[in-house]
Amino acid sequence: MVIGTRCTGGGTDLVGTRRARGFVSWRWLGVALLAAALLSSLGCATTQCAPTVGARDPTPAQAAAIDHPMHADSLVQWGGILVDVRHRSDHTELEVLAYPLDPCGRPRVSEAPVGRFLIVRPGYLETADLAPGRRVTVSGPLLGSRDGQIGDAPYRFPLVESHQPHFWPEDRRRQSSVRPWVSIGIGSGGRGVGGGVGISL
């Protein structure tokens, strides 16, 4: 029985080549798995939950109703996406299109919106990096409501006071449909065996 063929004197060492291929294959497989794990950890890193303070019901649309039994100073927790920012003399107002919140307090933007509200942040808030569409969650006392407009349509905005609105990191997956992927290549030539790992973002 012939287990392996070993040629010497300038020939090819087939047994050694097979061993080398096996070693290289396992080595590059390990590198690929490590790269995949790194990408997974970057893509699935969790963000701290928003502090759970205040009631999520009623919704902003319900609280804006004149006949809703919602009292001033009631604590609420609402969230949504930023629509507009207005700087006043002694506070900053952030207009928010509200969405239901998940257990961590993140706005569920895939669901139907549940009204609009204004965040009243005492003092000046730097908003240069807060573009419309940024997700925000807020907990604080309800200050009542104010009549305003959305375009030419009248609208009653509930007011929530907050010294520290929770702005969520921008979701990069919504900015691009391209997802990270890993490719593995292993080959052999006349003089040895090689491999490589490609990562595309």
C-alpha atoms as a PDB file:
ATOM      1  CA  MET A   1       0.000   0.000   0.000  1.00  0.00           C
ATOM      2  CA  VAL A   2       1.344   3.409  -0.962  1.00  0.00           C
ATOM      3  CA  ILE A   3       0.616   5.998   1.705  1.00  0.00           C
ATOM      4  CA  GLY A   4       2.463   8.903   0.125  1.00  0.00           C
ATOM      5  CA  THR A   5       4.958   9.685  -2.589  1.00  0.00           C
ATOM      6  CA  ARG A   6       8.056  11.632  -1.789  1.00  0.00           C
ATOM      7  CA  CYS A   7      10.233  12.701  -4.707  1.00  0.00           C
ATOM      8  CA  THR A   8      13.698  14.044  -4.075  1.00  0.00           C
ATOM      9  CA  GLY A   9      16.493  15.492  -6.102  1.00  0.00           C
ATOM     10  CA  GLY A  10      14.769  18.583  -7.412  1.00  0.00           C
ATOM     11  CA  GLY A  11      11.328  16.959  -7.630  1.00  0.00           C
ATOM     12  CA  THR A  12       8.188  17.829  -5.719  1.00  0.00           C
ATOM     13  CA  ASP A  13       7.642  16.597  -2.175  1.00  0.00           C
ATOM     14  CA  LEU A  14       3.947  15.606  -2.463  1.00  0.00           C
ATOM     15  CA  VAL A  15       3.573  14.582   1.171  1.00  0.00           C
ATOM     16  CA  GLY A  16       5.130  17.831   2.374  1.00  0.00           C
ATOM     17  CA  THR A  17       2.957  19.807  -0.030  1.00  0.00           C
ATOM     18  CA  ARG A  18      -0.193  18.180   1.300  1.00  0.00           C
ATOM     19  CA  ARG A  19       0.851  18.927   4.853  1.00  0.00           C
ATOM     20  CA  ALA A  20       1.625  22.524   3.918  1.00  0.00           C
ATOM     21  CA  ARG A  21      -1.748  22.899   2.243  1.00  0.00           C
ATOM     22  CA  GLY A  22      -3.493  21.587   5.322  1.00  0.00           C
ATOM     23  CA  PHE A  23      -1.542  23.918   7.598  1.00  0.00           C
ATOM     24  CA  VAL A  24      -2.184  26.965   5.402  1.00  0.00           C
ATOM     25  CA  SER A  25      -5.877  26.103   5.015  1.00  0.00           C
ATOM     26  CA  TRP A  26      -6.414  25.929   8.775  1.00  0.00           C
ATOM     27  CA  ARG A  27      -4.345  29.043   9.340  1.00  0.00           C
ATOM     28  CA  TRP A  28      -6.302  31.168   6.877  1.00  0.00           C
ATOM     29  CA  LEU A  29      -9.593  29.733   8.073  1.00  0.00           C
ATOM     30  CA  GLY A  30      -8.703  30.923  11.580  1.00  0.00           C
ATOM     31  CA  VAL A  31      -7.857  34.381  10.249  1.00  0.00           C
ATOM     32  CA  ALA A  32     -11.158  34.527   8.368  1.00  0.00           C
ATOM     33  CA  LEU A  33     -13.151  33.504  11.427  1.00  0.00           C
ATOM     34  CA  LEU A  34     -11.372  36.141  13.488  1.00  0.00           C
ATOM     35  CA  ALA A  35     -12.144  38.819  10.888  1.00  0.00           C
ATOM     36  CA  ALA A  36     -15.793  37.764  10.745  1.00  0.00           C
ATOM     37  CA  ALA A  37     -16.059  37.912  14.523  1.00  0.00           C
ATOM     38  CA  LEU A  38     -14.554  41.407  14.514  1.00  0.00           C
ATOM     39  CA  LEU A  39     -17.016  42.643  11.914  1.00  0.00           C
ATOM     40  CA  SER A  40     -19.880  41.067  13.806  1.00  0.00           C
ATOM     41  CA  SER A  41     -18.863  42.782  17.015  1.00  0.00           C
ATOM     42  CA  LEU A  42     -18.661  46.130  15.220  1.00  0.00           C
ATOM     43  CA  GLY A  43     -22.024  45.722  13.551  1.00  0.00           C
ATOM     44  CA  CYS A  44     -23.874  44.370  16.568  1.00  0.00           C
ATOM     45  CA  ALA A  45     -22.360  46.448  19.323  1.00  0.00           C
ATOM     46  CA  THR A  46     -25.077  47.440  21.740  1.00  0.00           C
ATOM     47  CA  THR A  47     -25.729  50.971  22.834  1.00  0.00           C
ATOM     48  CA  GLN A  48     -26.747  51.852  26.364  1.00  0.00           C
ATOM     49  CA  CYS A  49     -30.477  51.934  26.890  1.00  0.00           C
ATOM     50  CA  ALA A  50     -32.216  55.202  27.618  1.00  0.00           C
ATOM     51  CA  PRO A  51     -33.131  55.681  31.289  1.00  0.00           C
ATOM     52  CA  THR A  52     -36.610  54.304  31.876  1.00  0.00           C
ATOM     53  CA  VAL A  53     -38.364  57.175  33.627  1.00  0.00           C
ATOM     54  CA  GLY A  54     -41.944  58.193  32.950  1.00  0.00           C
ATOM     55  CA  ALA A  55     -44.996  56.688  31.289  1.00  0.00           C
ATOM     56  CA  ARG A  56     -45.132  55.918  27.575  1.00  0.00           C
ATOM     57  CA  ASP A  57     -48.912  56.162  27.518  1.00  0.00           C
ATOM     58  CA  PRO A  58     -50.672  58.262  26.504  1.00  0.00           C
ATOM     59  CA  THR A  59     -48.969  58.968  23.195  1.00  0.00           C
ATOM     60  CA  PRO A  60     -48.139  62.550  22.193  1.00  0.00           C
ATOM     61  CA  ALA A  61     -51.155  62.590  19.866  1.00  0.00           C
ATOM     62  CA  GLN A  62     -53.418  61.490  22.725  1.00  0.00           C
ATOM     63  CA  ALA A  63     -51.864  63.946  25.163  1.00  0.00           C
ATOM     64  CA  ALA A  64     -52.435  66.777  22.692  1.00  0.00           C
ATOM     65  CA  ALA A  65     -56.172  66.136  22.703  1.00  0.00           C
ATOM     66  CA  ILE A  66     -57.971  68.855  24.637  1.00  0.00           C
ATOM     67  CA  ASP A  67     -60.222  66.411  26.459  1.00  0.00           C
ATOM     68  CA  HIS A  68     -57.451  63.982  27.475  1.00  0.00           C
ATOM     69  CA  PRO A  69     -57.041  63.700  31.276  1.00  0.00           C
ATOM     70  CA  MET A  70     -53.298  64.443  31.202  1.00  0.00           C
ATOM     71  CA  HIS A  71     -52.051  66.794  33.885  1.00  0.00           C
ATOM     72  CA  ALA A  72     -49.058  69.077  33.834  1.00  0.00           C
ATOM     73  CA  ASP A  73     -45.971  67.780  35.663  1.00  0.00           C
ATOM     74  CA  SER A  74     -46.833  64.165  34.780  1.00  0.00           C
ATOM     75  CA  LEU A  75     -43.659  62.247  33.875  1.00  0.00           C
ATOM     76  CA  VAL A  76     -43.554  60.802  30.371  1.00  0.00           C
ATOM     77  CA  GLN A  77     -41.023  58.980  28.215  1.00  0.00           C
ATOM     78  CA  TRP A  78     -41.402  59.626  24.507  1.00  0.00           C
ATOM     79  CA  GLY A  79     -39.110  59.402  21.525  1.00  0.00           C
ATOM     80  CA  GLY A  80     -38.915  59.717  17.779  1.00  0.00           C
ATOM     81  CA  ILE A  81     -36.926  61.462  15.073  1.00  0.00           C
ATOM     82  CA  LEU A  82     -35.829  65.064  15.109  1.00  0.00           C
ATOM     83  CA  VAL A  83     -37.758  67.335  12.751  1.00  0.00           C
ATOM     84  CA  ASP A  84     -36.667  70.863  13.646  1.00  0.00           C
ATOM     85  CA  VAL A  85     -34.676  72.866  16.200  1.00  0.00           C
ATOM     86  CA  ARG A  86     -35.481  76.367  17.446  1.00  0.00           C
ATOM     87  CA  HIS A  87     -33.281  78.431  19.761  1.00  0.00           C
ATOM     88  CA  ARG A  88     -35.158  80.726  22.134  1.00  0.00           C
ATOM     89  CA  SER A  89     -33.796  83.349  24.491  1.00  0.00           C
ATOM     90  CA  ASP A  90     -33.629  81.029  27.498  1.00  0.00           C
ATOM     91  CA  HIS A  91     -34.157  77.522  26.102  1.00  0.00           C
ATOM     92  CA  THR A  92     -33.900  75.304  23.028  1.00  0.00           C
ATOM     93  CA  GLU A  93     -36.911  73.613  21.459  1.00  0.00           C
ATOM     94  CA  LEU A  94     -36.680  70.398  19.497  1.00  0.00           C
ATOM     95  CA  GLU A  95     -39.654  69.315  17.421  1.00  0.00           C
ATOM     96  CA  VAL A  96     -39.943  65.527  17.311  1.00  0.00           C
ATOM     97  CA  LEU A  97     -42.043  63.166  15.209  1.00  0.00           C
ATOM     98  CA  ALA A  98     -42.930  60.534  17.771  1.00  0.00           C
ATOM     99  CA  TYR A  99     -42.758  56.755  17.349  1.00  0.00           C
ATOM    100  CA  PRO A 100     -43.435  53.866  19.732  1.00  0.00           C
ATOM    101  CA  LEU A 101     -40.409  52.846  21.813  1.00  0.00           C
ATOM    102  CA  ASP A 102     -38.831  49.417  22.135  1.00  0.00           C
ATOM    103  CA  PRO A 103     -37.944  47.937  25.562  1.00  0.00           C
ATOM    104  CA  CYS A 104     -34.593  49.792  25.460  1.00  0.00           C
ATOM    105  CA  GLY A 105     -36.217  53.131  24.703  1.00  0.00           C
ATOM    106  CA  ARG A 106     -35.248  53.322  21.028  1.00  0.00           C
ATOM    107  CA  PRO A 107     -37.845  54.757  18.643  1.00  0.00           C
ATOM    108  CA  ARG A 108     -39.335  52.082  16.393  1.00  0.00           C
ATOM    109  CA  VAL A 109     -39.235  54.069  13.180  1.00  0.00           C
ATOM    110  CA  SER A 110     -40.568  51.122  11.183  1.00  0.00           C
ATOM    111  CA  GLU A 111     -43.949  51.550  12.887  1.00  0.00           C
ATOM    112  CA  ALA A 112     -46.569  54.245  12.405  1.00  0.00           C
ATOM    113  CA  PRO A 113     -45.841  57.624  14.047  1.00  0.00           C
ATOM    114  CA  VAL A 114     -47.879  58.583  17.111  1.00  0.00           C
ATOM    115  CA  GLY A 115     -47.976  62.365  16.889  1.00  0.00           C
ATOM    116  CA  ARG A 116     -45.504  65.178  17.456  1.00  0.00           C
ATOM    117  CA  PHE A 117     -44.188  66.928  20.538  1.00  0.00           C
ATOM    118  CA  LEU A 118     -41.697  69.577  21.589  1.00  0.00           C
ATOM    119  CA  ILE A 119     -38.716  68.995  23.861  1.00  0.00           C
ATOM    120  CA  VAL A 120     -38.026  72.079  25.965  1.00  0.00           C
ATOM    121  CA  ARG A 121     -34.383  72.056  26.984  1.00  0.00           C
ATOM    122  CA  PRO A 122     -33.512  74.887  29.407  1.00  0.00           C
ATOM    123  CA  GLY A 123     -30.532  76.964  28.323  1.00  0.00           C
ATOM    124  CA  TYR A 124     -28.624  76.733  25.065  1.00  0.00           C
ATOM    125  CA  LEU A 125     -28.111  73.360  23.373  1.00  0.00           C
ATOM    126  CA  GLU A 126     -25.500  73.061  20.630  1.00  0.00           C
ATOM    127  CA  THR A 127     -27.325  71.455  17.717  1.00  0.00           C
ATOM    128  CA  ALA A 128     -24.835  71.811  14.848  1.00  0.00           C
ATOM    129  CA  ASP A 129     -24.434  68.029  14.602  1.00  0.00           C
ATOM    130  CA  LEU A 130     -28.127  67.220  15.123  1.00  0.00           C
ATOM    131  CA  ALA A 131     -29.502  66.767  11.632  1.00  0.00           C
ATOM    132  CA  PRO A 132     -33.193  66.134  10.947  1.00  0.00           C
ATOM    133  CA  GLY A 133     -33.922  62.430  11.210  1.00  0.00           C
ATOM    134  CA  ARG A 134     -31.705  61.890  14.279  1.00  0.00           C
ATOM    135  CA  ARG A 135     -33.365  59.581  16.790  1.00  0.00           C
ATOM    136  CA  VAL A 136     -33.987  60.935  20.266  1.00  0.00           C
ATOM    137  CA  THR A 137     -35.629  59.729  23.471  1.00  0.00           C
ATOM    138  CA  VAL A 138     -36.610  61.977  26.329  1.00  0.00           C
ATOM    139  CA  SER A 139     -37.941  61.564  29.860  1.00  0.00           C
ATOM    140  CA  GLY A 140     -39.345  64.478  31.786  1.00  0.00           C
ATOM    141  CA  PRO A 141     -42.355  66.335  33.116  1.00  0.00           C
ATOM    142  CA  LEU A 142     -45.146  67.388  30.824  1.00  0.00           C
ATOM    143  CA  LEU A 143     -45.432  71.189  30.709  1.00  0.00           C
ATOM    144  CA  GLY A 144     -48.802  71.311  29.012  1.00  0.00           C
ATOM    145  CA  SER A 145     -49.297  72.041  25.315  1.00  0.00           C
ATOM    146  CA  ARG A 146     -48.928  74.849  22.799  1.00  0.00           C
ATOM    147  CA  ASP A 147     -50.777  75.629  19.611  1.00  0.00           C
ATOM    148  CA  GLY A 148     -48.558  75.707  16.558  1.00  0.00           C
ATOM    149  CA  GLN A 149     -48.493  74.698  12.924  1.00  0.00           C
ATOM    150  CA  ILE A 150     -47.194  71.956  10.665  1.00  0.00           C
ATOM    151  CA  GLY A 151     -46.978  73.733   7.357  1.00  0.00           C
ATOM    152  CA  ASP A 152     -50.285  75.579   7.097  1.00  0.00           C
ATOM    153  CA  ALA A 153     -52.150  73.102   9.295  1.00  0.00           C
ATOM    154  CA  PRO A 154     -52.807  73.986  12.941  1.00  0.00           C
ATOM    155  CA  TYR A 155     -51.395  71.524  15.475  1.00  0.00           C
ATOM    156  CA  ARG A 156     -51.297  71.269  19.262  1.00  0.00           C
ATOM    157  CA  PHE A 157     -47.837  70.264  20.529  1.00  0.00           C
ATOM    158  CA  PRO A 158     -47.365  68.679  23.963  1.00  0.00           C
ATOM    159  CA  LEU A 159     -44.312  70.128  25.755  1.00  0.00           C
ATOM    160  CA  VAL A 160     -41.825  67.944  27.629  1.00  0.00           C
ATOM    161  CA  GLU A 161     -39.009  69.455  29.672  1.00  0.00           C
ATOM    162  CA  SER A 162     -35.638  67.709  29.625  1.00  0.00           C
ATOM    163  CA  HIS A 163     -32.157  68.854  30.594  1.00  0.00           C
ATOM    164  CA  GLN A 164     -30.516  65.888  28.853  1.00  0.00           C
ATOM    165  CA  PRO A 165     -32.291  64.407  25.831  1.00  0.00           C
ATOM    166  CA  HIS A 166     -30.885  61.021  24.817  1.00  0.00           C
ATOM    167  CA  PHE A 167     -29.639  61.175  21.215  1.00  0.00           C
ATOM    168  CA  TRP A 168     -29.025  57.789  19.652  1.00  0.00           C
ATOM    169  CA  PRO A 169     -25.966  57.143  17.458  1.00  0.00           C
ATOM    170  CA  GLU A 170     -26.670  57.439  13.777  1.00  0.00           C
ATOM    171  CA  ASP A 171     -27.612  54.144  12.164  1.00  0.00           C
ATOM    172  CA  ARG A 172     -25.004  53.650   9.435  1.00  0.00           C
ATOM    173  CA  ARG A 173     -26.962  50.767   7.959  1.00  0.00           C
ATOM    174  CA  ARG A 174     -29.647  53.257   6.907  1.00  0.00           C
ATOM    175  CA  GLN A 175     -27.049  55.316   5.021  1.00  0.00           C
ATOM    176  CA  SER A 176     -25.849  52.520   2.764  1.00  0.00           C
ATOM    177  CA  SER A 177     -27.215  49.241   1.494  1.00  0.00           C
ATOM    178  CA  VAL A 178     -23.699  47.782   1.238  1.00  0.00           C
ATOM    179  CA  ARG A 179     -22.894  45.378   4.062  1.00  0.00           C
ATOM    180  CA  PRO A 180     -19.529  44.056   5.251  1.00  0.00           C
ATOM    181  CA  TRP A 181     -18.438  40.758   3.764  1.00  0.00           C
ATOM    182  CA  VAL A 182     -15.422  38.489   4.018  1.00  0.00           C
ATOM    183  CA  SER A 183     -13.898  36.502   1.160  1.00  0.00           C
ATOM    184  CA  ILE A 184     -11.322  33.737   1.489  1.00  0.00           C
ATOM    185  CA  GLY A 185      -8.893  32.626  -1.183  1.00  0.00           C
ATOM    186  CA  ILE A 186      -6.466  29.704  -0.994  1.00  0.00           C
ATOM    187  CA  GLY A 187      -4.373  28.459  -3.895  1.00  0.00           C
ATOM    188  CA  SER A 188      -1.194  26.694  -4.798  1.00  0.00           C
ATOM    189  CA  GLY A 189       1.431  27.218  -7.417  1.00  0.00           C
ATOM    190  CA  GLY A 190       4.555  25.527  -8.559  1.00  0.00           C
ATOM    191  CA  ARG A 191       6.557  26.878  -5.640  1.00  0.00           C
ATOM    192  CA  GLY A 192       4.191  26.744  -2.694  1.00  0.00           C
ATOM    193  CA  VAL A 193       0.776  27.323  -1.227  1.00  0.00           C
ATOM    194  CA  GLY A 194      -0.785  30.688  -0.359  1.00  0.00           C
ATOM    195  CA  GLY A 195      -4.001  32.216   0.809  1.00  0.00           C
ATOM    196  CA  GLY A 196      -5.684  35.490   1.603  1.00  0.00           C
ATOM    197  CA  VAL A 197      -8.641  37.095   3.288  1.00  0.00           C
ATOM    198  CA  GLY A 198     -10.507  40.062   1.829  1.00  0.00           C
ATOM    199  CA  ILE A 199     -12.748  42.387   3.871  1.00  0.00           C
ATOM    200  CA  SER A 200     -15.045  44.897   2.229  1.00  0.00           C
ATOM    201  CA  LEU A 201     -17.068  47.558   4.094  1.00  0.00           C
END
